[in-house]
Amino acid sequence: MKKITSLSVCSLLSIVLFPASYVHAVDLGNFPGATGASQKITQALQAGEATTMAISATTSATGLTRLLIQQLGVTQLQAEAGTGALFQLAKSRMSAANFTALSNLVPDMSGLLAAAPAANPIGGGGMAGTFLQLGLVPEMVQKFIPIILRYVEESGENVLAAALKSALMGGM
């Protein structure tokens, strides 16, 4: 029993201490039960890598999210999810025609909307609560809005920018 425990501890340490690329360098076939654990770890790592590659392939920073990242120092995920949450709010407050025009103006609007976190019915908190879910202080809402508005204005869509401003600022 003591020998099996020692082997299990050694196997566990080798898996924890060595990067995944070195796990295959050890012949785990000599240790009963170690091969199954090694296969499960390898599968989990491969699944994680595939998910990471899929996410990064579909969510490259657009001009707007790049501006938020550069000017506010947020991560790409925070920029996309925060922008998406603000656009969801705008969608609920703008006319369908104005939001369609905005969607045509902003690259990957559907991706941004999908990146927004689900509303938290228990915690509430509105947009400030949404930004807290993203690891951002509530004051960041007021920093995102001018950058988003400027992005729309710089595209020459002043009327659309005014409608967006009214949708985002109304009720805040």
Protein backbone atom coordinates (compact mmCIF):
# COMPACT_ATOMS: atom_id res chain seq x y z
CA MET A 1 0.00 0.00 0.00
CA LYS A 2 2.83 2.36 0.91
CA LYS A 3 4.53 1.63 -2.42
CA ILE A 4 1.35 2.43 -4.40
CA THR A 5 0.84 5.67 -2.43
CA SER A 6 4.44 6.70 -3.13
CA LEU A 7 4.01 5.95 -6.83
CA SER A 8 0.74 7.91 -6.90
CA VAL A 9 2.38 10.90 -5.22
CA CYS A 10 5.33 10.72 -7.63
CA SER A 11 2.98 10.50 -10.60
CA LEU A 12 0.96 13.43 -9.37
CA LEU A 13 4.07 15.52 -8.78
CA SER A 14 5.44 14.74 -12.22
CA ILE A 15 2.17 15.85 -13.80
CA VAL A 16 2.00 19.04 -11.73
CA LEU A 17 5.66 20.00 -11.91
CA PHE A 18 6.36 19.31 -15.58
CA PRO A 19 4.64 21.19 -18.41
CA ALA A 20 2.14 19.18 -20.41
CA SER A 21 4.59 18.78 -23.28
CA TYR A 22 6.91 16.76 -21.03
CA VAL A 23 4.27 14.39 -19.66
CA HIS A 24 4.64 12.17 -22.70
CA ALA A 25 8.41 11.91 -22.14
CA VAL A 26 7.82 9.80 -19.00
CA ASP A 27 6.81 6.18 -19.57
CA LEU A 28 3.67 6.14 -17.47
CA GLY A 29 2.84 2.63 -18.65
CA ASN A 30 4.88 1.26 -15.74
CA PHE A 31 2.55 2.87 -13.20
CA PRO A 32 -0.89 1.28 -12.78
CA GLY A 33 -3.67 3.85 -13.28
CA ALA A 34 -1.31 6.61 -14.38
CA THR A 35 -1.99 6.14 -18.09
CA GLY A 36 -5.71 6.91 -17.68
CA ALA A 37 -4.96 10.05 -15.67
CA SER A 38 -2.41 11.17 -18.25
CA GLN A 39 -4.94 10.69 -21.06
CA LYS A 40 -7.59 12.69 -19.18
CA ILE A 41 -5.16 15.54 -18.55
CA THR A 42 -4.04 15.56 -22.17
CA GLN A 43 -7.66 15.62 -23.38
CA ALA A 44 -8.49 18.48 -21.00
CA LEU A 45 -5.48 20.48 -22.19
CA GLN A 46 -6.35 19.90 -25.83
CA ALA A 47 -9.96 20.94 -25.22
CA GLY A 48 -8.77 24.12 -23.48
CA GLU A 49 -6.39 24.93 -26.33
CA ALA A 50 -9.14 24.37 -28.91
CA THR A 51 -11.52 26.63 -27.01
CA THR A 52 -8.89 29.36 -26.68
CA MET A 53 -8.08 29.17 -30.39
CA ALA A 54 -11.78 29.28 -31.32
CA ILE A 55 -12.40 32.32 -29.12
CA SER A 56 -9.40 34.25 -30.40
CA ALA A 57 -10.26 33.41 -34.01
CA THR A 58 -13.77 34.81 -33.69
CA THR A 59 -13.07 37.83 -31.51
CA SER A 60 -10.24 39.82 -32.97
CA ALA A 61 -10.31 43.40 -31.75
CA THR A 62 -12.29 45.72 -34.01
CA GLY A 63 -11.47 49.41 -34.35
CA LEU A 64 -13.87 50.27 -31.53
CA THR A 65 -12.69 47.63 -29.08
CA ARG A 66 -9.09 48.43 -29.96
CA LEU A 67 -9.75 52.07 -28.99
CA LEU A 68 -11.19 50.98 -25.64
CA ILE A 69 -8.25 48.68 -24.98
CA GLN A 70 -5.73 51.40 -25.81
CA GLN A 71 -7.43 54.32 -24.09
CA LEU A 72 -8.79 52.60 -20.99
CA GLY A 73 -6.35 49.74 -20.48
CA VAL A 74 -9.10 47.11 -20.40
CA THR A 75 -8.75 43.60 -21.77
CA GLN A 76 -10.22 42.60 -25.10
CA LEU A 77 -12.91 40.57 -23.34
CA GLN A 78 -13.83 43.53 -21.11
CA ALA A 79 -13.93 45.87 -24.11
CA GLU A 80 -16.14 43.52 -26.13
CA ALA A 81 -18.48 42.56 -23.29
CA GLY A 82 -18.80 46.12 -21.96
CA THR A 83 -19.48 47.49 -25.44
CA GLY A 84 -21.93 44.67 -26.08
CA ALA A 85 -23.81 45.45 -22.86
CA LEU A 86 -24.03 49.12 -23.79
CA PHE A 87 -25.23 48.24 -27.29
CA GLN A 88 -27.87 45.92 -25.79
CA LEU A 89 -29.10 48.86 -23.74
CA ALA A 90 -29.09 51.07 -26.84
CA LYS A 91 -30.97 48.43 -28.82
CA SER A 92 -33.73 48.40 -26.20
CA ARG A 93 -34.04 52.20 -26.34
CA MET A 94 -33.42 53.07 -30.01
CA SER A 95 -35.78 52.74 -32.93
CA ALA A 96 -35.29 49.59 -34.99
CA ALA A 97 -34.19 51.70 -37.98
CA ASN A 98 -31.55 53.57 -35.97
CA PHE A 99 -30.21 50.40 -34.36
CA THR A 100 -30.03 48.67 -37.74
CA ALA A 101 -28.03 51.62 -39.08
CA LEU A 102 -25.76 51.43 -36.02
CA SER A 103 -25.34 47.68 -36.55
CA ASN A 104 -24.27 48.31 -40.14
CA LEU A 105 -21.75 50.89 -38.95
CA VAL A 106 -20.10 48.91 -36.15
CA PRO A 107 -18.13 45.84 -37.27
CA ASP A 108 -19.22 42.56 -35.66
CA MET A 109 -22.18 44.04 -33.81
CA SER A 110 -23.68 40.57 -33.36
CA GLY A 111 -20.44 39.35 -31.79
CA LEU A 112 -20.36 42.32 -29.42
CA LEU A 113 -23.97 41.78 -28.39
CA ALA A 114 -23.25 38.09 -27.78
CA ALA A 115 -20.17 38.95 -25.68
CA ALA A 116 -22.25 40.89 -23.15
CA PRO A 117 -22.76 39.01 -19.89
CA ALA A 118 -26.22 37.76 -19.07
CA ALA A 119 -28.19 40.04 -16.79
CA ASN A 120 -27.90 39.10 -13.15
CA PRO A 121 -31.50 38.96 -11.88
CA ILE A 122 -30.43 38.46 -8.27
CA GLY A 123 -27.76 41.12 -7.96
CA GLY A 124 -29.35 43.66 -10.29
CA GLY A 125 -27.28 46.82 -10.39
CA GLY A 126 -28.02 47.78 -13.99
CA MET A 127 -25.06 48.66 -16.16
CA ALA A 128 -22.84 49.22 -13.11
CA GLY A 129 -23.58 45.65 -12.01
CA THR A 130 -22.80 44.38 -15.49
CA PHE A 131 -19.43 46.12 -15.47
CA LEU A 132 -18.70 44.70 -12.01
CA GLN A 133 -19.29 41.21 -13.47
CA LEU A 134 -16.56 42.05 -15.99
CA GLY A 135 -14.11 43.03 -13.25
CA LEU A 136 -14.49 46.74 -14.02
CA VAL A 137 -15.42 49.49 -11.60
CA PRO A 138 -18.85 51.05 -12.23
CA GLU A 139 -17.21 54.35 -13.20
CA MET A 140 -15.92 52.67 -16.36
CA VAL A 141 -19.43 52.85 -17.82
CA GLN A 142 -19.02 56.62 -18.06
CA LYS A 143 -15.60 56.16 -19.68
CA PHE A 144 -16.82 53.68 -22.31
CA ILE A 145 -19.71 55.85 -23.50
CA PRO A 146 -17.73 58.87 -24.84
CA ILE A 147 -15.33 56.59 -26.71
CA ILE A 148 -18.22 54.71 -28.32
CA LEU A 149 -19.99 57.96 -29.21
CA ARG A 150 -16.82 59.47 -30.68
CA TYR A 151 -16.32 56.32 -32.77
CA VAL A 152 -19.82 56.72 -34.25
CA GLU A 153 -19.42 60.49 -34.73
CA GLU A 154 -16.08 60.07 -36.52
CA SER A 155 -17.80 57.85 -39.06
CA GLY A 156 -19.80 60.93 -40.08
CA GLU A 157 -23.04 59.67 -38.57
CA ASN A 158 -23.85 62.62 -36.29
CA VAL A 159 -27.61 61.98 -36.25
CA LEU A 160 -27.01 58.34 -35.36
CA ALA A 161 -24.50 59.38 -32.69
CA ALA A 162 -27.13 61.69 -31.18
CA ALA A 163 -29.68 58.87 -31.11
CA LEU A 164 -27.11 56.58 -29.50
CA LYS A 165 -26.21 59.22 -26.92
CA SER A 166 -29.86 59.69 -26.03
CA ALA A 167 -30.31 55.92 -25.67
CA LEU A 168 -27.22 55.47 -23.51
CA MET A 169 -27.53 58.59 -21.38
CA GLY A 170 -31.29 58.51 -20.90
CA GLY A 171 -32.01 57.00 -17.52
CA MET A 172 -28.45 57.08 -16.24
